[in-house]
Amino acid sequence: MNRFTRTSILFAAVSLAALAGCASTQKHESTGQYVDDTTITTKVKAAIFNDPTLKSAEINVETFKGRVQLSGFVSSRESIDRAVRVAQGVGGVSSVANDMRVK
């Protein structure tokens, strides 16, 4: 086996291992999905911030594979319903989990 063949095989093995490390699983996101979820989180936070009836400091936003989770303590049931509707209106959101509570 010549030096070029060994080097090619080594390069192919390292490349496959690196690609496998970036793949997503059920509980882990790929790098691209992480960036997408970060973008969705930012858009949802901005939409909540820009809504004059909501207090953005009361609402926490997390995203995993397009699923947005809203949590925190808000002043009324109307605020909860409004925050869910605002989050659902953001592009890229596949579903919204409501874990907010009225204080």
N, C-alpha and C. Protein backbone atom coordinates (compact mmCIF):
# COMPACT_ATOMS: atom_id res chain seq x y z
N MET A 1 0.86 -1.17 0.00
CA MET A 1 0.00 0.00 0.00
C MET A 1 0.91 1.23 0.00
N ASN A 2 0.72 2.07 -0.97
CA ASN A 2 1.62 3.22 -1.05
C ASN A 2 1.16 4.34 -0.12
N ARG A 3 2.00 5.33 0.01
CA ARG A 3 1.78 6.44 0.93
C ARG A 3 0.51 7.24 0.56
N PHE A 4 0.26 7.46 -0.72
CA PHE A 4 -0.92 8.20 -1.17
C PHE A 4 -2.21 7.49 -0.77
N THR A 5 -2.27 6.19 -0.93
CA THR A 5 -3.46 5.42 -0.59
C THR A 5 -3.73 5.48 0.90
N ARG A 6 -2.67 5.30 1.72
CA ARG A 6 -2.85 5.38 3.16
C ARG A 6 -3.34 6.77 3.60
N THR A 7 -2.78 7.79 3.00
CA THR A 7 -3.18 9.16 3.32
C THR A 7 -4.63 9.40 2.92
N SER A 8 -5.03 8.91 1.78
CA SER A 8 -6.41 9.06 1.31
C SER A 8 -7.39 8.36 2.23
N ILE A 9 -7.05 7.16 2.65
CA ILE A 9 -7.92 6.41 3.56
C ILE A 9 -8.03 7.12 4.91
N LEU A 10 -6.92 7.61 5.41
CA LEU A 10 -6.92 8.33 6.68
C LEU A 10 -7.78 9.60 6.58
N PHE A 11 -7.62 10.33 5.48
CA PHE A 11 -8.40 11.54 5.27
C PHE A 11 -9.90 11.22 5.20
N ALA A 12 -10.26 10.17 4.51
CA ALA A 12 -11.66 9.78 4.39
C ALA A 12 -12.24 9.38 5.76
N ALA A 13 -11.47 8.66 6.56
CA ALA A 13 -11.93 8.24 7.88
C ALA A 13 -12.14 9.44 8.80
N VAL A 14 -11.20 10.37 8.77
CA VAL A 14 -11.33 11.58 9.60
C VAL A 14 -12.52 12.41 9.15
N SER A 15 -12.72 12.52 7.85
CA SER A 15 -13.85 13.30 7.32
C SER A 15 -15.18 12.69 7.74
N LEU A 16 -15.31 11.38 7.65
CA LEU A 16 -16.55 10.72 8.05
C LEU A 16 -16.81 10.87 9.55
N ALA A 17 -15.76 10.78 10.34
CA ALA A 17 -15.93 10.95 11.80
C ALA A 17 -16.36 12.37 12.12
N ALA A 18 -15.81 13.34 11.43
CA ALA A 18 -16.18 14.74 11.67
C ALA A 18 -17.62 15.00 11.26
N LEU A 19 -18.05 14.45 10.15
CA LEU A 19 -19.43 14.64 9.71
C LEU A 19 -20.41 13.95 10.65
N ALA A 20 -20.05 12.80 11.15
CA ALA A 20 -20.92 12.09 12.09
C ALA A 20 -21.07 12.87 13.38
N GLY A 21 -20.02 13.57 13.79
CA GLY A 21 -20.08 14.38 15.00
C GLY A 21 -21.00 15.58 14.85
N CYS A 22 -21.26 16.03 13.65
CA CYS A 22 -22.14 17.18 13.41
C CYS A 22 -23.58 16.78 13.16
N ALA A 23 -23.85 15.50 13.07
CA ALA A 23 -25.21 15.04 12.77
C ALA A 23 -26.10 15.21 13.98
N SER A 24 -27.38 15.41 13.74
CA SER A 24 -28.31 15.56 14.84
C SER A 24 -28.86 14.21 15.26
N THR A 25 -29.25 14.13 16.50
CA THR A 25 -29.94 12.96 17.02
C THR A 25 -31.23 13.46 17.65
N GLN A 26 -31.95 12.57 18.28
CA GLN A 26 -33.23 12.95 18.86
C GLN A 26 -33.06 13.97 19.98
N LYS A 27 -31.94 13.90 20.71
CA LYS A 27 -31.74 14.81 21.84
C LYS A 27 -30.67 15.86 21.58
N HIS A 28 -29.99 15.79 20.46
CA HIS A 28 -28.93 16.75 20.15
C HIS A 28 -29.18 17.35 18.77
N GLU A 29 -28.83 18.63 18.64
CA GLU A 29 -29.01 19.32 17.38
C GLU A 29 -27.71 19.34 16.59
N SER A 30 -27.83 19.41 15.29
CA SER A 30 -26.67 19.65 14.46
C SER A 30 -26.32 21.13 14.57
N THR A 31 -25.18 21.51 14.06
CA THR A 31 -24.76 22.90 14.12
C THR A 31 -25.75 23.80 13.39
N GLY A 32 -26.21 23.37 12.23
CA GLY A 32 -27.17 24.16 11.47
C GLY A 32 -28.49 24.33 12.21
N GLN A 33 -28.96 23.26 12.84
CA GLN A 33 -30.21 23.35 13.59
C GLN A 33 -30.05 24.28 14.79
N TYR A 34 -28.88 24.25 15.43
CA TYR A 34 -28.63 25.14 16.57
C TYR A 34 -28.71 26.59 16.13
N VAL A 35 -28.11 26.90 15.00
CA VAL A 35 -28.14 28.27 14.48
C VAL A 35 -29.57 28.65 14.13
N ASP A 36 -30.32 27.75 13.50
CA ASP A 36 -31.72 28.02 13.16
C ASP A 36 -32.55 28.28 14.42
N ASP A 37 -32.35 27.46 15.45
CA ASP A 37 -33.10 27.62 16.69
C ASP A 37 -32.73 28.93 17.40
N THR A 38 -31.47 29.31 17.33
CA THR A 38 -31.05 30.58 17.92
C THR A 38 -31.73 31.74 17.20
N THR A 39 -31.82 31.64 15.89
CA THR A 39 -32.50 32.67 15.10
C THR A 39 -33.98 32.74 15.47
N ILE A 40 -34.63 31.60 15.58
CA ILE A 40 -36.05 31.57 15.96
C ILE A 40 -36.24 32.17 17.35
N THR A 41 -35.39 31.80 18.30
CA THR A 41 -35.47 32.35 19.65
C THR A 41 -35.37 33.87 19.62
N THR A 42 -34.41 34.38 18.86
CA THR A 42 -34.22 35.83 18.77
C THR A 42 -35.44 36.50 18.16
N LYS A 43 -36.01 35.90 17.12
CA LYS A 43 -37.19 36.48 16.48
C LYS A 43 -38.40 36.48 17.42
N VAL A 44 -38.58 35.40 18.18
CA VAL A 44 -39.70 35.33 19.12
C VAL A 44 -39.52 36.37 20.23
N LYS A 45 -38.30 36.48 20.76
CA LYS A 45 -38.04 37.49 21.80
C LYS A 45 -38.30 38.89 21.28
N ALA A 46 -37.89 39.17 20.05
CA ALA A 46 -38.12 40.49 19.45
C ALA A 46 -39.61 40.74 19.27
N ALA A 47 -40.34 39.74 18.82
CA ALA A 47 -41.78 39.90 18.62
C ALA A 47 -42.50 40.16 19.95
N ILE A 48 -42.08 39.46 20.99
CA ILE A 48 -42.67 39.69 22.32
C ILE A 48 -42.30 41.08 22.83
N PHE A 49 -41.06 41.47 22.63
CA PHE A 49 -40.60 42.79 23.05
C PHE A 49 -41.37 43.90 22.34
N ASN A 50 -41.65 43.72 21.07
CA ASN A 50 -42.34 44.74 20.28
C ASN A 50 -43.84 44.78 20.50
N ASP A 51 -44.38 43.81 21.22
CA ASP A 51 -45.81 43.82 21.52
C ASP A 51 -46.02 44.70 22.76
N PRO A 52 -46.79 45.78 22.61
CA PRO A 52 -46.94 46.72 23.73
C PRO A 52 -47.70 46.16 24.93
N THR A 53 -48.43 45.06 24.76
CA THR A 53 -49.20 44.51 25.87
C THR A 53 -48.42 43.49 26.70
N LEU A 54 -47.23 43.10 26.22
CA LEU A 54 -46.44 42.09 26.91
C LEU A 54 -45.20 42.70 27.55
N LYS A 55 -44.81 42.14 28.68
CA LYS A 55 -43.57 42.55 29.33
C LYS A 55 -42.53 41.47 29.03
N SER A 56 -41.59 41.78 28.17
CA SER A 56 -40.64 40.78 27.70
C SER A 56 -39.73 40.26 28.81
N ALA A 57 -39.53 41.03 29.86
CA ALA A 57 -38.67 40.57 30.96
C ALA A 57 -39.30 39.42 31.74
N GLU A 58 -40.61 39.27 31.63
CA GLU A 58 -41.31 38.21 32.36
C GLU A 58 -41.32 36.87 31.63
N ILE A 59 -41.00 36.88 30.34
CA ILE A 59 -41.17 35.69 29.51
C ILE A 59 -39.82 35.18 29.04
N ASN A 60 -39.54 33.91 29.32
CA ASN A 60 -38.32 33.25 28.85
C ASN A 60 -38.66 32.42 27.61
N VAL A 61 -37.73 32.43 26.64
CA VAL A 61 -37.95 31.73 25.38
C VAL A 61 -36.79 30.77 25.14
N GLU A 62 -37.10 29.52 24.86
CA GLU A 62 -36.11 28.52 24.47
C GLU A 62 -36.65 27.78 23.26
N THR A 63 -35.74 27.38 22.37
CA THR A 63 -36.15 26.69 21.14
C THR A 63 -35.30 25.44 20.94
N PHE A 64 -35.94 24.35 20.56
CA PHE A 64 -35.24 23.11 20.22
C PHE A 64 -35.93 22.49 19.02
N LYS A 65 -35.21 22.43 17.91
CA LYS A 65 -35.72 21.87 16.66
C LYS A 65 -37.04 22.51 16.24
N GLY A 66 -37.12 23.83 16.35
CA GLY A 66 -38.30 24.56 15.91
C GLY A 66 -39.43 24.64 16.92
N ARG A 67 -39.31 23.90 18.01
CA ARG A 67 -40.35 23.91 19.05
C ARG A 67 -39.97 24.96 20.09
N VAL A 68 -40.82 25.95 20.26
CA VAL A 68 -40.56 27.06 21.17
C VAL A 68 -41.22 26.77 22.52
N GLN A 69 -40.48 26.97 23.59
CA GLN A 69 -41.01 26.83 24.94
C GLN A 69 -41.01 28.20 25.60
N LEU A 70 -42.19 28.62 26.04
CA LEU A 70 -42.33 29.88 26.76
C LEU A 70 -42.52 29.57 28.23
N SER A 71 -41.77 30.26 29.09
CA SER A 71 -41.90 30.06 30.53
C SER A 71 -41.77 31.40 31.24
N GLY A 72 -42.16 31.40 32.49
CA GLY A 72 -42.06 32.61 33.29
C GLY A 72 -43.38 32.90 33.99
N PHE A 73 -43.37 34.01 34.72
CA PHE A 73 -44.55 34.43 35.47
C PHE A 73 -45.05 35.74 34.89
N VAL A 74 -46.30 35.75 34.45
CA VAL A 74 -46.90 36.94 33.84
C VAL A 74 -48.09 37.40 34.68
N SER A 75 -48.59 38.58 34.36
CA SER A 75 -49.61 39.19 35.21
C SER A 75 -51.04 38.71 34.95
N SER A 76 -51.31 38.12 33.77
CA SER A 76 -52.68 37.71 33.49
C SER A 76 -52.73 36.56 32.49
N ARG A 77 -53.90 35.92 32.44
CA ARG A 77 -54.13 34.84 31.47
C ARG A 77 -54.10 35.40 30.05
N GLU A 78 -54.54 36.64 29.87
CA GLU A 78 -54.52 37.28 28.55
C GLU A 78 -53.08 37.43 28.05
N SER A 79 -52.16 37.73 28.96
CA SER A 79 -50.75 37.84 28.57
C SER A 79 -50.20 36.50 28.09
N ILE A 80 -50.61 35.43 28.75
CA ILE A 80 -50.18 34.10 28.34
C ILE A 80 -50.70 33.80 26.93
N ASP A 81 -51.99 34.01 26.72
CA ASP A 81 -52.59 33.74 25.42
C ASP A 81 -51.95 34.60 24.32
N ARG A 82 -51.71 35.86 24.63
CA ARG A 82 -51.11 36.77 23.65
C ARG A 82 -49.68 36.34 23.30
N ALA A 83 -48.90 35.96 24.30
CA ALA A 83 -47.52 35.53 24.06
C ALA A 83 -47.47 34.28 23.19
N VAL A 84 -48.38 33.36 23.42
CA VAL A 84 -48.44 32.13 22.61
C VAL A 84 -48.79 32.49 21.16
N ARG A 85 -49.77 33.36 20.97
CA ARG A 85 -50.15 33.77 19.61
C ARG A 85 -49.00 34.49 18.90
N VAL A 86 -48.29 35.35 19.63
CA VAL A 86 -47.16 36.07 19.04
C VAL A 86 -46.08 35.08 18.62
N ALA A 87 -45.77 34.12 19.47
CA ALA A 87 -44.74 33.12 19.15
C ALA A 87 -45.14 32.26 17.96
N GLN A 88 -46.41 31.88 17.89
CA GLN A 88 -46.89 31.06 16.77
C GLN A 88 -46.80 31.81 15.45
N GLY A 89 -46.84 33.13 15.49
CA GLY A 89 -46.78 33.93 14.29
C GLY A 89 -45.39 34.14 13.73
N VAL A 90 -44.37 33.67 14.42
CA VAL A 90 -42.99 33.84 13.97
C VAL A 90 -42.64 32.72 13.00
N GLY A 91 -41.99 33.07 11.90
CA GLY A 91 -41.58 32.08 10.91
C GLY A 91 -40.59 31.08 11.47
N GLY A 92 -40.76 29.82 11.12
CA GLY A 92 -39.86 28.77 11.57
C GLY A 92 -40.32 28.05 12.82
N VAL A 93 -41.33 28.57 13.50
CA VAL A 93 -41.84 27.95 14.72
C VAL A 93 -42.76 26.81 14.33
N SER A 94 -42.43 25.60 14.76
CA SER A 94 -43.26 24.45 14.43
C SER A 94 -44.35 24.23 15.47
N SER A 95 -44.05 24.52 16.75
CA SER A 95 -45.05 24.42 17.81
C SER A 95 -44.60 25.27 18.98
N VAL A 96 -45.55 25.56 19.87
CA VAL A 96 -45.26 26.38 21.05
C VAL A 96 -45.72 25.62 22.29
N ALA A 97 -44.82 25.46 23.24
CA ALA A 97 -45.15 24.85 24.53
C ALA A 97 -45.30 25.98 25.55
N ASN A 98 -46.43 26.02 26.22
CA ASN A 98 -46.73 27.07 27.17
C ASN A 98 -46.47 26.58 28.58
N ASP A 99 -45.41 27.09 29.22
CA ASP A 99 -45.11 26.77 30.60
C ASP A 99 -45.16 28.03 31.46
N MET A 100 -45.92 29.03 31.01
CA MET A 100 -46.02 30.28 31.76
C MET A 100 -47.09 30.14 32.84
N ARG A 101 -46.93 30.91 33.91
CA ARG A 101 -47.86 30.90 35.03
C ARG A 101 -48.28 32.34 35.36
N VAL A 102 -49.50 32.49 35.85
CA VAL A 102 -49.98 33.80 36.30
C VAL A 102 -49.47 34.00 37.72
N LYS A 103 -48.87 35.16 37.95
CA LYS A 103 -48.36 35.41 39.31
C LYS A 103 -49.40 36.08 40.18
